[in-house]
Amino acid sequence: MFATRIYLSSLFILLGCQFMPAQVLRVDLPRLGSIDDEGLHVSVSTPKPTMPLVLPNIDTVGARFYSLFYTRISDGDLLVYFMTIPTRAGQHIFIDTNLNNDLRDDGLPHLFPDSSNSFIFQVASPRDPNALTRFLLQRRPDLPESSLVHFLDVNGNLQPRQARFWAAAASASSFTGARGTFFFDSRLSLKRGSTQIGSQKQEIGLFDYNNDGFFNGKDDVLLVDFPHPGKLEYFACSIAFDDVFAFDTLRLTVSNADPYGRWVELAITSKPVSVFKPTKAENLARDGFTTTAIDEALWALQVNSIEGDTIALSHFRGRFLLLNFWGEWCKPCLDEIPVLVKAS
């Protein structure tokens, strides 16, 4: 009888261990923002809608019309349209938040006062009213003055070269970059928090890659700041939900992610560490870098240096040559300039 009790007790302990849940670390993500490597983007207005819109029955003198990328669907991009009307206090903004191309049934217009630089609005998913995508509009981007002068003049107009670039990008030939006819826009698609993992404090976030208001989709990712402490960057910090990553002696994987980005659960696992699997488009781009051949016409190019000298690329034939294509609106491009100068 005593031996039987021991056997039953051992069996109970064994079964209990087998069904004991894996150790899970839950991280709350209370902060909303953008990824740290997001570049600058200018939303250009037009004096008339680019798509048929039903307008409210009001005076629309001075109205400007905008469209913002919302999310990708099977047959193309889904856009959010909005209209601004100038007032003495700022701009009234009419937003098609229910995505029906009708500006009459979205509630009262919002006031973006002249005294404010930033305005945030949100669009609910047609599939779930709790899945929210947030958009940030700014008259001036968050840049130091030394960089800001490359984008705006003292009156808040776009610099001429910037205006020409964004007019071409938006196919808006009449756009001149005048103050009040554009916004710097970004998507607040990152929910972030911090936790202690092993001996380290880590910044962690969920990135809504598809920008559809859901943070647990197949292309959404976990961001962890171990490459650059305090920064959550898509290209440097992304971890797919089925990947395994390591901190100290711990191996972790995502066991559950809140669809609205409020928290993420990380489970300790014994599986081997794996690497992030880029999206198909990024794989194609990466493959392209390894297979592209230089066109012979490249060597015939001549360019002007910042000192005003003429440089023929043919002078560099047979030597190592770095060609860096960048733009003043691209924050990561600006951040890497000191590194390029040091390398030079």
Protein backbone atom coordinates (compact mmCIF):
# COMPACT_ATOMS: atom_id res chain seq x y z
CA MET A 1 0.00 0.00 0.00
CA PHE A 2 2.80 2.40 0.91
CA ALA A 3 4.61 1.62 -2.36
CA THR A 4 1.37 2.18 -4.27
CA ARG A 5 0.95 5.60 -2.65
CA ILE A 6 4.51 6.53 -3.60
CA TYR A 7 3.89 5.40 -7.17
CA LEU A 8 0.63 7.35 -7.41
CA SER A 9 2.24 10.44 -5.87
CA SER A 10 5.15 10.23 -8.35
CA LEU A 11 2.71 9.81 -11.22
CA PHE A 12 0.74 12.85 -10.06
CA ILE A 13 3.91 14.98 -9.86
CA LEU A 14 5.01 13.80 -13.29
CA LEU A 15 1.63 14.56 -14.84
CA GLY A 16 1.56 17.90 -13.05
CA CYS A 17 4.93 18.85 -14.54
CA GLN A 18 3.82 17.84 -18.00
CA PHE A 19 0.77 20.08 -17.92
CA MET A 20 2.41 22.98 -16.08
CA PRO A 21 2.19 26.09 -18.30
CA ALA A 22 5.42 27.50 -19.74
CA GLN A 23 6.84 30.55 -17.98
CA VAL A 24 5.42 33.64 -19.67
CA LEU A 25 6.52 37.26 -19.37
CA ARG A 26 3.73 39.78 -20.01
CA VAL A 27 4.79 43.26 -21.16
CA ASP A 28 2.29 46.12 -21.10
CA LEU A 29 2.60 48.56 -24.02
CA PRO A 30 1.00 51.84 -22.92
CA ARG A 31 2.90 54.26 -25.18
CA LEU A 32 1.85 55.12 -28.73
CA GLY A 33 4.23 56.43 -31.37
CA SER A 34 6.10 55.84 -34.60
CA ILE A 35 9.07 53.60 -35.33
CA ASP A 36 12.38 55.39 -34.81
CA ASP A 37 13.58 54.88 -38.39
CA GLU A 38 10.47 56.30 -40.06
CA GLY A 39 11.38 58.92 -42.65
CA LEU A 40 9.66 62.22 -43.24
CA HIS A 41 6.67 62.33 -45.56
CA VAL A 42 4.77 65.34 -46.87
CA SER A 43 1.06 65.10 -47.60
CA VAL A 44 0.29 67.41 -50.53
CA SER A 45 -3.12 69.02 -51.04
CA THR A 46 -5.06 69.77 -54.20
CA PRO A 47 -7.71 72.46 -54.78
CA LYS A 48 -10.17 69.78 -55.92
CA PRO A 49 -10.73 66.19 -54.75
CA THR A 50 -8.76 63.56 -56.65
CA MET A 51 -11.66 61.13 -56.20
CA PRO A 52 -15.44 61.77 -56.19
CA LEU A 53 -16.31 63.01 -52.68
CA VAL A 54 -19.66 64.05 -51.30
CA LEU A 55 -19.06 67.40 -49.59
CA PRO A 56 -20.96 68.97 -46.71
CA ASN A 57 -23.42 71.72 -47.60
CA ILE A 58 -21.21 74.59 -46.47
CA ASP A 59 -19.06 77.31 -47.99
CA THR A 60 -15.94 75.54 -49.26
CA VAL A 61 -14.02 78.62 -50.41
CA GLY A 62 -10.31 78.00 -49.82
CA ALA A 63 -10.82 74.27 -49.25
CA ARG A 64 -7.89 71.90 -49.80
CA PHE A 65 -8.16 68.15 -50.28
CA TYR A 66 -5.83 65.40 -49.06
CA SER A 67 -5.50 61.64 -49.14
CA LEU A 68 -3.47 59.45 -46.79
CA PHE A 69 -2.51 55.81 -47.15
CA TYR A 70 -4.58 53.76 -44.70
CA THR A 71 -3.85 50.11 -45.42
CA ARG A 72 -3.28 47.68 -48.27
CA ILE A 73 -6.14 45.56 -49.54
CA SER A 74 -6.27 42.82 -52.16
CA ASP A 75 -6.84 45.13 -55.12
CA GLY A 76 -4.71 48.11 -54.08
CA ASP A 77 -4.27 50.74 -51.39
CA LEU A 78 -7.14 51.98 -49.23
CA LEU A 79 -6.94 55.74 -48.67
CA VAL A 80 -8.40 58.14 -46.12
CA TYR A 81 -9.65 61.41 -47.62
CA PHE A 82 -10.02 64.67 -45.76
CA MET A 83 -10.71 68.33 -46.47
CA THR A 84 -9.41 71.44 -44.73
CA ILE A 85 -11.03 74.87 -44.70
CA PRO A 86 -9.12 77.88 -43.33
CA THR A 87 -10.63 79.85 -40.46
CA ARG A 88 -9.42 82.73 -38.32
CA ALA A 89 -8.41 80.31 -35.57
CA GLY A 90 -6.80 77.64 -37.75
CA GLN A 91 -8.11 74.94 -40.06
CA HIS A 92 -11.33 72.98 -39.90
CA ILE A 93 -10.68 69.37 -40.92
CA PHE A 94 -13.42 67.14 -42.32
CA ILE A 95 -12.25 63.50 -42.27
CA ASP A 96 -13.90 60.54 -44.01
CA THR A 97 -13.37 58.26 -41.03
CA ASN A 98 -15.95 55.70 -42.17
CA LEU A 99 -14.27 55.39 -45.59
CA ASN A 100 -17.40 55.88 -47.70
CA ASN A 101 -16.21 58.92 -49.71
CA ASP A 102 -18.83 61.06 -47.96
CA LEU A 103 -17.75 63.93 -45.69
CA ARG A 104 -21.26 64.60 -44.40
CA ASP A 105 -21.69 61.65 -42.02
CA ASP A 106 -18.49 61.68 -39.97
CA GLY A 107 -19.54 64.01 -37.19
CA LEU A 108 -18.52 67.61 -36.62
CA PRO A 109 -15.28 68.90 -38.18
CA HIS A 110 -12.15 69.08 -36.07
CA LEU A 111 -10.31 72.34 -35.41
CA PHE A 112 -6.56 72.29 -35.95
CA PRO A 113 -5.70 75.61 -34.27
CA ASP A 114 -2.86 77.78 -35.55
CA SER A 115 -1.44 77.75 -32.02
CA SER A 116 -0.83 73.98 -32.26
CA ASN A 117 1.74 72.19 -34.38
CA SER A 118 0.33 68.66 -34.19
CA PHE A 119 -3.06 67.07 -34.77
CA ILE A 120 -3.94 63.39 -34.30
CA PHE A 121 -6.98 61.61 -35.68
CA GLN A 122 -7.96 57.97 -35.84
CA VAL A 123 -9.80 55.64 -38.19
CA ALA A 124 -11.57 52.51 -36.97
CA SER A 125 -11.34 49.31 -38.95
CA PRO A 126 -14.55 48.39 -40.80
CA ARG A 127 -14.07 44.89 -39.33
CA ASP A 128 -13.67 45.96 -35.69
CA PRO A 129 -14.42 49.40 -34.19
CA ASN A 130 -11.77 48.79 -31.51
CA ALA A 131 -8.98 48.38 -34.08
CA LEU A 132 -7.78 51.97 -34.49
CA THR A 133 -5.21 53.42 -36.85
CA ARG A 134 -3.86 56.79 -35.74
CA PHE A 135 -2.49 59.50 -38.02
CA LEU A 136 -0.33 62.44 -36.98
CA LEU A 137 -0.38 65.69 -38.96
CA GLN A 138 2.25 68.36 -38.30
CA ARG A 139 2.96 71.76 -39.77
CA ARG A 140 6.61 71.49 -38.74
CA PRO A 141 8.43 68.18 -38.28
CA ASP A 142 10.24 67.35 -35.05
CA LEU A 143 13.72 68.24 -36.25
CA PRO A 144 16.49 70.48 -34.90
CA GLU A 145 16.62 73.93 -36.45
CA SER A 146 19.82 73.05 -38.28
CA SER A 147 17.90 70.37 -40.23
CA LEU A 148 14.54 72.14 -40.37
CA VAL A 149 15.89 74.92 -42.61
CA HIS A 150 16.32 72.34 -45.39
CA PHE A 151 12.56 71.79 -45.39
CA LEU A 152 10.85 75.07 -44.44
CA ASP A 153 11.55 78.77 -44.85
CA VAL A 154 10.98 81.29 -42.06
CA ASN A 155 7.33 81.72 -43.10
CA GLY A 156 6.48 78.02 -42.91
CA ASN A 157 6.52 77.41 -46.68
CA LEU A 158 8.27 74.38 -48.12
CA GLN A 159 11.66 75.13 -49.56
CA PRO A 160 11.38 75.27 -53.38
CA ARG A 161 13.33 72.07 -53.98
CA GLN A 162 11.20 70.21 -51.43
CA ALA A 163 8.02 71.59 -53.00
CA ARG A 164 9.08 70.41 -56.46
CA PHE A 165 9.94 66.95 -55.19
CA TRP A 166 6.67 66.36 -53.32
CA ALA A 167 4.61 67.90 -56.11
CA ALA A 168 6.13 65.39 -58.52
CA ALA A 169 5.65 62.51 -56.07
CA ALA A 170 1.94 63.37 -55.70
CA SER A 171 1.42 64.23 -59.39
CA ALA A 172 0.19 67.65 -58.23
CA SER A 173 1.65 70.04 -60.80
CA SER A 174 -0.01 73.12 -59.28
CA PHE A 175 1.42 72.52 -55.81
CA THR A 176 3.93 75.22 -54.75
CA GLY A 177 4.47 74.34 -51.09
CA ALA A 178 2.69 77.36 -49.64
CA ARG A 179 2.00 77.30 -45.92
CA GLY A 180 -1.39 75.77 -45.17
CA THR A 181 -1.42 73.52 -48.25
CA PHE A 182 0.56 70.59 -46.86
CA PHE A 183 1.26 68.58 -43.72
CA PHE A 184 4.07 66.39 -42.54
CA ASP A 185 2.28 63.14 -41.81
CA SER A 186 3.13 59.90 -40.04
CA ARG A 187 1.36 56.82 -38.76
CA LEU A 188 1.34 56.10 -35.06
CA SER A 189 1.56 52.35 -35.56
CA LEU A 190 3.88 51.41 -32.69
CA LYS A 191 2.78 50.46 -29.18
CA ARG A 192 5.76 50.32 -26.85
CA GLY A 193 6.70 49.58 -23.26
CA SER A 194 9.68 48.38 -21.24
CA THR A 195 10.52 45.37 -19.10
CA GLN A 196 13.38 43.66 -17.30
CA ILE A 197 14.66 40.61 -19.19
CA GLY A 198 17.46 38.80 -17.45
CA SER A 199 19.84 41.48 -16.20
CA GLN A 200 18.81 44.05 -18.80
CA LYS A 201 16.03 46.59 -19.11
CA GLN A 202 14.60 46.44 -22.63
CA GLU A 203 12.35 48.60 -24.76
CA ILE A 204 9.79 46.41 -26.50
CA GLY A 205 7.05 47.23 -28.97
CA LEU A 206 4.43 45.84 -31.32
CA PHE A 207 4.52 47.37 -34.80
CA ASP A 208 1.35 47.38 -36.90
CA TYR A 209 3.17 46.91 -40.21
CA ASN A 210 -0.05 46.79 -42.24
CA ASN A 211 -1.37 49.95 -40.61
CA ASP A 212 -4.83 48.37 -40.28
CA GLY A 213 -5.33 48.86 -36.54
CA PHE A 214 -4.49 45.25 -35.64
CA PHE A 215 -1.15 44.49 -34.01
CA ASN A 216 -1.13 40.70 -34.34
CA GLY A 217 -1.40 40.25 -38.12
CA LYS A 218 0.83 37.97 -40.17
CA ASP A 219 3.13 40.84 -41.24
CA ASP A 220 3.19 42.62 -37.87
CA VAL A 221 6.34 42.24 -35.78
CA LEU A 222 7.81 42.49 -32.33
CA LEU A 223 10.48 45.17 -31.94
CA VAL A 224 13.22 44.80 -29.33
CA ASP A 225 15.90 47.46 -28.84
CA PHE A 226 18.96 45.25 -28.30
CA PRO A 227 20.79 46.58 -31.43
CA HIS A 228 20.33 50.24 -30.38
CA PRO A 229 19.28 50.71 -26.73
CA GLY A 230 16.21 52.90 -26.40
CA LYS A 231 15.39 52.85 -30.12
CA LEU A 232 12.83 50.67 -31.84
CA GLU A 233 13.62 50.53 -35.55
CA TYR A 234 11.87 48.30 -38.05
CA PHE A 235 14.90 47.22 -40.06
CA ALA A 236 17.22 46.73 -37.08
CA CYS A 237 14.88 45.47 -34.36
CA SER A 238 12.19 43.34 -36.01
CA ILE A 239 11.42 39.85 -34.75
CA ALA A 240 8.70 37.74 -36.35
CA PHE A 241 6.13 36.30 -33.98
CA ASP A 242 7.34 32.73 -34.61
CA ASP A 243 11.03 33.57 -34.23
CA VAL A 244 13.17 32.83 -31.18
CA PHE A 245 15.55 35.46 -29.81
CA ALA A 246 17.97 35.43 -26.88
CA PHE A 247 18.70 37.63 -23.87
CA ASP A 248 21.44 36.55 -21.49
CA THR A 249 20.70 32.84 -20.99
CA LEU A 250 17.01 33.14 -21.90
CA ARG A 251 15.45 32.16 -25.21
CA LEU A 252 12.14 33.88 -25.87
CA THR A 253 9.35 33.82 -28.41
CA VAL A 254 6.00 35.58 -28.73
CA SER A 255 3.30 33.39 -27.24
CA ASN A 256 0.44 35.90 -27.54
CA ALA A 257 -0.06 39.44 -28.80
CA ASP A 258 -3.06 41.62 -28.03
CA PRO A 259 -4.82 42.50 -31.32
CA TYR A 260 -5.07 46.13 -30.21
CA GLY A 261 -1.42 46.39 -29.12
CA ARG A 262 -2.03 46.79 -25.39
CA TRP A 263 0.33 43.99 -24.33
CA VAL A 264 2.49 41.16 -25.58
CA GLU A 265 3.39 37.88 -23.88
CA LEU A 266 6.85 36.32 -24.28
CA ALA A 267 7.38 32.66 -23.46
CA ILE A 268 10.64 31.05 -22.40
CA THR A 269 11.50 28.28 -24.83
CA SER A 270 14.19 25.70 -25.46
CA LYS A 271 13.96 26.05 -29.25
CA PRO A 272 17.08 27.24 -31.10
CA VAL A 273 17.48 30.93 -31.84
CA SER A 274 16.16 31.88 -35.28
CA VAL A 275 16.39 35.04 -37.36
CA PHE A 276 13.77 37.46 -38.58
CA LYS A 277 12.20 36.46 -41.89
CA PRO A 278 11.75 39.61 -44.02
CA THR A 279 8.66 40.10 -46.12
CA LYS A 280 8.59 38.93 -49.71
CA ALA A 281 9.26 42.42 -51.02
CA GLU A 282 12.31 42.82 -48.79
CA ASN A 283 13.61 39.42 -49.86
CA LEU A 284 13.33 40.46 -53.50
CA ALA A 285 15.14 43.71 -52.78
CA ARG A 286 17.88 41.87 -50.92
CA ASP A 287 18.26 39.37 -53.78
CA GLY A 288 18.45 42.27 -56.21
CA PHE A 289 21.43 43.74 -54.39
CA THR A 290 23.34 40.47 -54.84
CA THR A 291 22.55 39.94 -58.52
CA THR A 292 22.46 43.41 -60.12
CA ALA A 293 25.17 44.20 -62.68
CA ILE A 294 26.50 47.71 -63.34
CA ASP A 295 25.27 49.23 -66.58
CA GLU A 296 28.18 50.45 -68.72
CA ALA A 297 26.40 53.78 -69.15
CA LEU A 298 27.19 54.55 -65.51
CA TRP A 299 30.81 55.30 -66.31
CA ALA A 300 29.83 58.03 -68.77
CA LEU A 301 28.15 60.07 -66.04
CA GLN A 302 29.65 63.31 -64.86
CA VAL A 303 28.48 65.07 -61.71
CA ASN A 304 29.27 68.26 -59.82
CA SER A 305 30.84 68.01 -56.37
CA ILE A 306 29.77 70.22 -53.47
CA GLU A 307 32.98 72.17 -54.10
CA GLY A 308 31.85 72.85 -57.68
CA ASP A 309 34.31 70.51 -59.41
CA THR A 310 33.28 68.18 -62.23
CA ILE A 311 33.73 64.52 -61.36
CA ALA A 312 33.70 61.78 -63.99
CA LEU A 313 32.71 58.40 -62.56
CA SER A 314 35.05 56.77 -65.06
CA HIS A 315 37.93 57.99 -62.86
CA PHE A 316 36.79 55.47 -60.23
CA ARG A 317 36.60 52.47 -62.54
CA GLY A 318 38.44 49.52 -61.06
CA ARG A 319 38.37 51.04 -57.57
CA PHE A 320 35.92 50.79 -54.69
CA LEU A 321 33.16 53.38 -55.10
CA LEU A 322 30.24 54.01 -52.78
CA LEU A 323 27.18 55.64 -54.33
CA ASN A 324 24.74 56.69 -51.63
CA PHE A 325 21.29 57.77 -52.83
CA TRP A 326 19.56 59.81 -50.17
CA GLY A 327 17.11 62.64 -49.57
CA GLU A 328 16.89 65.54 -47.13
CA TRP A 329 13.44 64.29 -46.06
CA CYS A 330 14.91 60.91 -44.99
CA LYS A 331 15.82 60.91 -41.29
CA PRO A 332 17.91 57.69 -41.38
CA CYS A 333 19.80 59.18 -44.34
CA LEU A 334 20.66 62.27 -42.30
CA ASP A 335 21.63 60.15 -39.29
CA GLU A 336 24.16 58.16 -41.32
CA ILE A 337 25.98 61.18 -42.80
CA PRO A 338 28.48 61.47 -39.90
CA VAL A 339 29.31 57.78 -40.36
CA LEU A 340 29.94 58.30 -44.09
CA VAL A 341 32.08 61.36 -43.39
CA LYS A 342 34.14 59.37 -40.88
CA ALA A 343 34.54 56.50 -43.35
CA SER A 344 35.66 58.93 -46.05
